Amino acid sequence: GFVPGAVETELGELVSPSLKFTDLVKLALRRKLQDKGTKNDWKRFQRRPLTRDSYVPKKYDHKVRWLCMLDTSGSMGDDDIVFGISQLQVLGTECDGIIVPVDAVPHWGNITSVRNVADIKRTKVVGRGGTVFDDFFRDYPDKVGTDFDVIIVITDGGFG
C-alpha cells in the first residue's frame, strides 16, 4: 500500500535525523553539569543540623559558563542576528554567559554579560564591517579568561 504523507515525513526523520543547535548546546551543557555537578562543600555547613549535633556539608551547584562570539559583519542581516541571539534563550537561567560582537575585529568594549534570559535583549550589535575571527580566538583568554564550558559561534558562515 501507500504510506500517508505524515507517516512518511516521520519515517524520514527517523532514517536521517538532523540535530538542531538547541539539541547540541543542551547536550554539551548537560555533560558539563554531569562532570562538575553538585558537590559537597565541607568548609560551609548547614546550620540547622548542628542543633541535632550533626555536621552536614552544604551542597553547591556548578553554574555552566558560556562564551558567545556573535558575527556582526555586513553579511549578517538583521534577521540573522536577531534569530541567532534568540537561539541563546534555550540556555535558560542555570548558566552565565558573555556575548562578544565581532566583525573585522572583536568589540571587547561592547561585551554583554548574561546572567538570565532577560539580559540577552541588551546585546549590542556593533561593527557591520568585514569578517575576521582570528583576533577573537587569539585574544579571548586575555580579555575574558578561559573558564568557559561552552564556546558558541553565531555566524552565517561567510568569513575569511
C-alpha atoms as a PDB file:
ATOM      1  CA  GLY A   1       0.000   0.000   0.000  1.00  0.00           C
ATOM      2  CA  PHE A   2       0.798   3.649   0.089  1.00  0.00           C
ATOM      3  CA  VAL A   3       2.278   5.401   3.111  1.00  0.00           C
ATOM      4  CA  PRO A   4       0.438   8.569   4.220  1.00  0.00           C
ATOM      5  CA  GLY A   5       2.443  11.790   3.902  1.00  0.00           C
ATOM      6  CA  ALA A   6       2.631  12.471   7.657  1.00  0.00           C
ATOM      7  CA  VAL A   7       3.948   8.978   8.389  1.00  0.00           C
ATOM      8  CA  GLU A   8       6.440   9.235   5.524  1.00  0.00           C
ATOM      9  CA  THR A   9       7.798  12.506   6.988  1.00  0.00           C
ATOM     10  CA  GLU A  10       8.223  10.888  10.404  1.00  0.00           C
ATOM     11  CA  LEU A  11       9.989   7.893   8.852  1.00  0.00           C
ATOM     12  CA  GLY A  12      12.322  10.285   7.013  1.00  0.00           C
ATOM     13  CA  GLU A  13      13.259  11.927  10.333  1.00  0.00           C
ATOM     14  CA  LEU A  14      13.995   8.535  11.879  1.00  0.00           C
ATOM     15  CA  VAL A  15      16.103   7.375   8.927  1.00  0.00           C
ATOM     16  CA  SER A  16      18.149  10.580   8.590  1.00  0.00           C
ATOM     17  CA  PRO A  17      17.836  12.623  11.794  1.00  0.00           C
ATOM     18  CA  SER A  18      19.059  16.192  11.956  1.00  0.00           C
ATOM     19  CA  LEU A  19      20.247  17.834  15.151  1.00  0.00           C
ATOM     20  CA  LYS A  20      19.333  21.400  15.902  1.00  0.00           C
ATOM     21  CA  PHE A  21      21.554  23.976  17.589  1.00  0.00           C
ATOM     22  CA  THR A  22      19.446  23.717  20.712  1.00  0.00           C
ATOM     23  CA  ASP A  23      19.946  19.949  20.916  1.00  0.00           C
ATOM     24  CA  LEU A  24      23.723  20.256  20.632  1.00  0.00           C
ATOM     25  CA  VAL A  25      24.033  23.021  23.227  1.00  0.00           C
ATOM     26  CA  LYS A  26      21.708  21.324  25.709  1.00  0.00           C
ATOM     27  CA  LEU A  27      23.727  18.118  25.355  1.00  0.00           C
ATOM     28  CA  ALA A  28      27.022  19.950  25.927  1.00  0.00           C
ATOM     29  CA  LEU A  29      25.644  21.761  28.983  1.00  0.00           C
ATOM     30  CA  ARG A  30      24.200  18.544  30.409  1.00  0.00           C
ATOM     31  CA  ARG A  31      27.574  16.815  30.026  1.00  0.00           C
ATOM     32  CA  LYS A  32      29.368  19.656  31.805  1.00  0.00           C
ATOM     33  CA  LEU A  33      26.886  19.589  34.673  1.00  0.00           C
ATOM     34  CA  GLN A  34      27.346  15.836  35.000  1.00  0.00           C
ATOM     35  CA  ASP A  35      31.127  16.280  35.118  1.00  0.00           C
ATOM     36  CA  LYS A  36      31.070  19.050  37.707  1.00  0.00           C
ATOM     37  CA  GLY A  37      27.566  18.567  39.082  1.00  0.00           C
ATOM     38  CA  THR A  38      26.620  19.198  42.671  1.00  0.00           C
ATOM     39  CA  LYS A  39      29.383  18.897  45.211  1.00  0.00           C
ATOM     40  CA  ASN A  40      29.549  18.934  48.954  1.00  0.00           C
ATOM     41  CA  ASP A  41      31.358  21.862  50.484  1.00  0.00           C
ATOM     42  CA  TRP A  42      32.770  20.780  53.835  1.00  0.00           C
ATOM     43  CA  LYS A  43      34.035  24.317  54.564  1.00  0.00           C
ATOM     44  CA  ARG A  44      30.469  25.606  54.678  1.00  0.00           C
ATOM     45  CA  PHE A  45      27.898  23.662  56.601  1.00  0.00           C
ATOM     46  CA  GLN A  46      24.178  23.563  57.005  1.00  0.00           C
ATOM     47  CA  ARG A  47      23.324  25.241  60.291  1.00  0.00           C
ATOM     48  CA  ARG A  48      20.056  23.535  61.129  1.00  0.00           C
ATOM     49  CA  PRO A  49      21.508  20.013  61.641  1.00  0.00           C
ATOM     50  CA  LEU A  50      24.005  21.449  64.185  1.00  0.00           C
ATOM     51  CA  THR A  51      21.156  21.694  66.661  1.00  0.00           C
ATOM     52  CA  ARG A  52      20.994  17.896  66.486  1.00  0.00           C
ATOM     53  CA  ASP A  53      24.781  17.503  66.895  1.00  0.00           C
ATOM     54  CA  SER A  54      25.477  16.560  63.296  1.00  0.00           C
ATOM     55  CA  TYR A  55      27.771  18.229  60.789  1.00  0.00           C
ATOM     56  CA  VAL A  56      26.247  18.191  57.296  1.00  0.00           C
ATOM     57  CA  PRO A  57      28.055  19.874  54.388  1.00  0.00           C
ATOM     58  CA  LYS A  58      26.316  22.399  52.196  1.00  0.00           C
ATOM     59  CA  LYS A  59      25.773  21.430  48.590  1.00  0.00           C
ATOM     60  CA  TYR A  60      26.706  23.803  45.839  1.00  0.00           C
ATOM     61  CA  ASP A  61      25.819  23.629  42.188  1.00  0.00           C
ATOM     62  CA  HIS A  62      28.127  24.325  39.300  1.00  0.00           C
ATOM     63  CA  LYS A  63      26.783  27.035  37.008  1.00  0.00           C
ATOM     64  CA  VAL A  64      27.676  26.471  33.384  1.00  0.00           C
ATOM     65  CA  ARG A  65      29.577  29.373  31.804  1.00  0.00           C
ATOM     66  CA  TRP A  66      29.488  30.038  28.084  1.00  0.00           C
ATOM     67  CA  LEU A  67      31.139  32.468  25.689  1.00  0.00           C
ATOM     68  CA  CYS A  68      29.335  33.538  22.516  1.00  0.00           C
ATOM     69  CA  MET A  69      31.020  35.091  19.521  1.00  0.00           C
ATOM     70  CA  LEU A  70      28.319  36.985  17.608  1.00  0.00           C
ATOM     71  CA  ASP A  71      29.167  37.697  13.979  1.00  0.00           C
ATOM     72  CA  THR A  72      28.058  41.293  13.328  1.00  0.00           C
ATOM     73  CA  SER A  73      29.636  41.621   9.889  1.00  0.00           C
ATOM     74  CA  GLY A  74      27.861  43.113   6.905  1.00  0.00           C
ATOM     75  CA  SER A  75      26.922  39.677   5.543  1.00  0.00           C
ATOM     76  CA  MET A  76      24.783  39.012   8.619  1.00  0.00           C
ATOM     77  CA  GLY A  77      21.388  40.579   8.091  1.00  0.00           C
ATOM     78  CA  ASP A  78      19.337  41.985  10.943  1.00  0.00           C
ATOM     79  CA  ASP A  79      17.057  38.933  10.816  1.00  0.00           C
ATOM     80  CA  ASP A  80      20.082  36.608  11.050  1.00  0.00           C
ATOM     81  CA  ILE A  81      21.423  38.421  14.109  1.00  0.00           C
ATOM     82  CA  VAL A  82      18.024  38.500  15.828  1.00  0.00           C
ATOM     83  CA  PHE A  83      17.496  34.791  15.116  1.00  0.00           C
ATOM     84  CA  GLY A  84      20.982  33.900  16.376  1.00  0.00           C
ATOM     85  CA  ILE A  85      20.541  35.860  19.596  1.00  0.00           C
ATOM     86  CA  SER A  86      17.080  34.381  20.144  1.00  0.00           C
ATOM     87  CA  GLN A  87      18.576  30.884  19.994  1.00  0.00           C
ATOM     88  CA  LEU A  88      20.596  31.673  23.118  1.00  0.00           C
ATOM     89  CA  GLN A  89      17.371  31.674  25.123  1.00  0.00           C
ATOM     90  CA  VAL A  90      17.463  27.874  25.101  1.00  0.00           C
ATOM     91  CA  LEU A  91      20.350  28.075  27.576  1.00  0.00           C
ATOM     92  CA  GLY A  92      17.926  29.118  30.303  1.00  0.00           C
ATOM     93  CA  THR A  93      18.701  30.645  33.667  1.00  0.00           C
ATOM     94  CA  GLU A  94      21.019  27.996  35.097  1.00  0.00           C
ATOM     95  CA  CYS A  95      24.088  29.442  33.389  1.00  0.00           C
ATOM     96  CA  ASP A  96      26.119  32.617  32.932  1.00  0.00           C
ATOM     97  CA  GLY A  97      27.420  33.881  29.635  1.00  0.00           C
ATOM     98  CA  ILE A  98      29.214  36.578  27.712  1.00  0.00           C
ATOM     99  CA  ILE A  99      28.287  37.779  24.215  1.00  0.00           C
ATOM    100  CA  VAL A 100      31.062  39.427  22.194  1.00  0.00           C
ATOM    101  CA  PRO A 101      30.180  41.190  18.900  1.00  0.00           C
ATOM    102  CA  VAL A 102      32.820  40.529  16.230  1.00  0.00           C
ATOM    103  CA  ASP A 103      33.202  41.774  12.679  1.00  0.00           C
ATOM    104  CA  ALA A 104      36.671  42.650  11.355  1.00  0.00           C
ATOM    105  CA  VAL A 105      37.803  42.989  14.997  1.00  0.00           C
ATOM    106  CA  PRO A 106      36.300  41.850  18.295  1.00  0.00           C
ATOM    107  CA  HIS A 107      34.499  44.689  20.060  1.00  0.00           C
ATOM    108  CA  TRP A 108      35.641  43.931  23.623  1.00  0.00           C
ATOM    109  CA  GLY A 109      34.199  47.220  24.890  1.00  0.00           C
ATOM    110  CA  ASN A 110      30.662  46.162  23.919  1.00  0.00           C
ATOM    111  CA  ILE A 111      30.502  42.828  25.731  1.00  0.00           C
ATOM    112  CA  THR A 112      27.097  41.793  27.060  1.00  0.00           C
ATOM    113  CA  SER A 113      27.195  39.851  30.316  1.00  0.00           C
ATOM    114  CA  VAL A 114      24.255  37.442  30.573  1.00  0.00           C
ATOM    115  CA  ARG A 115      23.036  36.241  33.985  1.00  0.00           C
ATOM    116  CA  ASN A 116      19.460  35.436  32.933  1.00  0.00           C
ATOM    117  CA  VAL A 117      17.423  35.253  29.747  1.00  0.00           C
ATOM    118  CA  ALA A 118      16.289  38.907  30.023  1.00  0.00           C
ATOM    119  CA  ASP A 119      19.919  40.090  29.729  1.00  0.00           C
ATOM    120  CA  ILE A 120      20.133  38.693  26.187  1.00  0.00           C
ATOM    121  CA  LYS A 121      17.937  41.585  24.990  1.00  0.00           C
ATOM    122  CA  ARG A 122      20.674  44.055  25.970  1.00  0.00           C
ATOM    123  CA  THR A 123      23.081  42.677  23.344  1.00  0.00           C
ATOM    124  CA  LYS A 124      24.795  45.494  21.438  1.00  0.00           C
ATOM    125  CA  VAL A 125      25.227  44.991  17.705  1.00  0.00           C
ATOM    126  CA  VAL A 126      28.269  46.996  16.612  1.00  0.00           C
ATOM    127  CA  GLY A 127      30.567  46.715  13.654  1.00  0.00           C
ATOM    128  CA  ARG A 128      28.847  45.722  10.414  1.00  0.00           C
ATOM    129  CA  GLY A 129      32.215  45.596   8.603  1.00  0.00           C
ATOM    130  CA  GLY A 130      34.168  42.625   7.277  1.00  0.00           C
ATOM    131  CA  THR A 131      34.527  39.220   8.902  1.00  0.00           C
ATOM    132  CA  VAL A 132      37.732  38.080  10.634  1.00  0.00           C
ATOM    133  CA  PHE A 133      37.545  35.753  13.652  1.00  0.00           C
ATOM    134  CA  ASP A 134      41.256  35.115  14.254  1.00  0.00           C
ATOM    135  CA  ASP A 135      41.638  38.035  16.677  1.00  0.00           C
ATOM    136  CA  PHE A 136      38.717  36.797  18.777  1.00  0.00           C
ATOM    137  CA  PHE A 137      40.111  33.294  19.268  1.00  0.00           C
ATOM    138  CA  ARG A 138      43.619  34.622  19.895  1.00  0.00           C
ATOM    139  CA  ASP A 139      42.612  37.331  22.413  1.00  0.00           C
ATOM    140  CA  TYR A 140      39.652  35.953  24.375  1.00  0.00           C
ATOM    141  CA  PRO A 141      41.802  34.181  27.011  1.00  0.00           C
ATOM    142  CA  ASP A 142      43.419  37.535  27.910  1.00  0.00           C
ATOM    143  CA  LYS A 143      40.222  39.600  27.662  1.00  0.00           C
ATOM    144  CA  VAL A 144      37.594  37.408  29.371  1.00  0.00           C
ATOM    145  CA  GLY A 145      39.506  34.379  30.682  1.00  0.00           C
ATOM    146  CA  THR A 146      39.286  30.698  29.838  1.00  0.00           C
ATOM    147  CA  ASP A 147      36.835  29.464  32.458  1.00  0.00           C
ATOM    148  CA  PHE A 148      34.105  28.573  29.949  1.00  0.00           C
ATOM    149  CA  ASP A 149      32.351  25.273  29.488  1.00  0.00           C
ATOM    150  CA  VAL A 150      30.999  26.028  26.004  1.00  0.00           C
ATOM    151  CA  ILE A 151      32.009  28.457  23.242  1.00  0.00           C
ATOM    152  CA  ILE A 152      29.177  29.299  20.858  1.00  0.00           C
ATOM    153  CA  VAL A 153      29.767  30.899  17.448  1.00  0.00           C
ATOM    154  CA  ILE A 154      26.777  32.587  15.801  1.00  0.00           C
ATOM    155  CA  THR A 155      27.596  33.277  12.153  1.00  0.00           C
ATOM    156  CA  ASP A 156      26.295  32.855   8.632  1.00  0.00           C
ATOM    157  CA  GLY A 157      29.485  31.012   7.687  1.00  0.00           C
ATOM    158  CA  GLY A 158      30.886  33.732   5.434  1.00  0.00           C
ATOM    159  CA  PHE A 159      34.268  34.555   6.946  1.00  0.00           C
ATOM    160  CA  GLY A 160      37.866  34.910   5.849  1.00  0.00           C
END
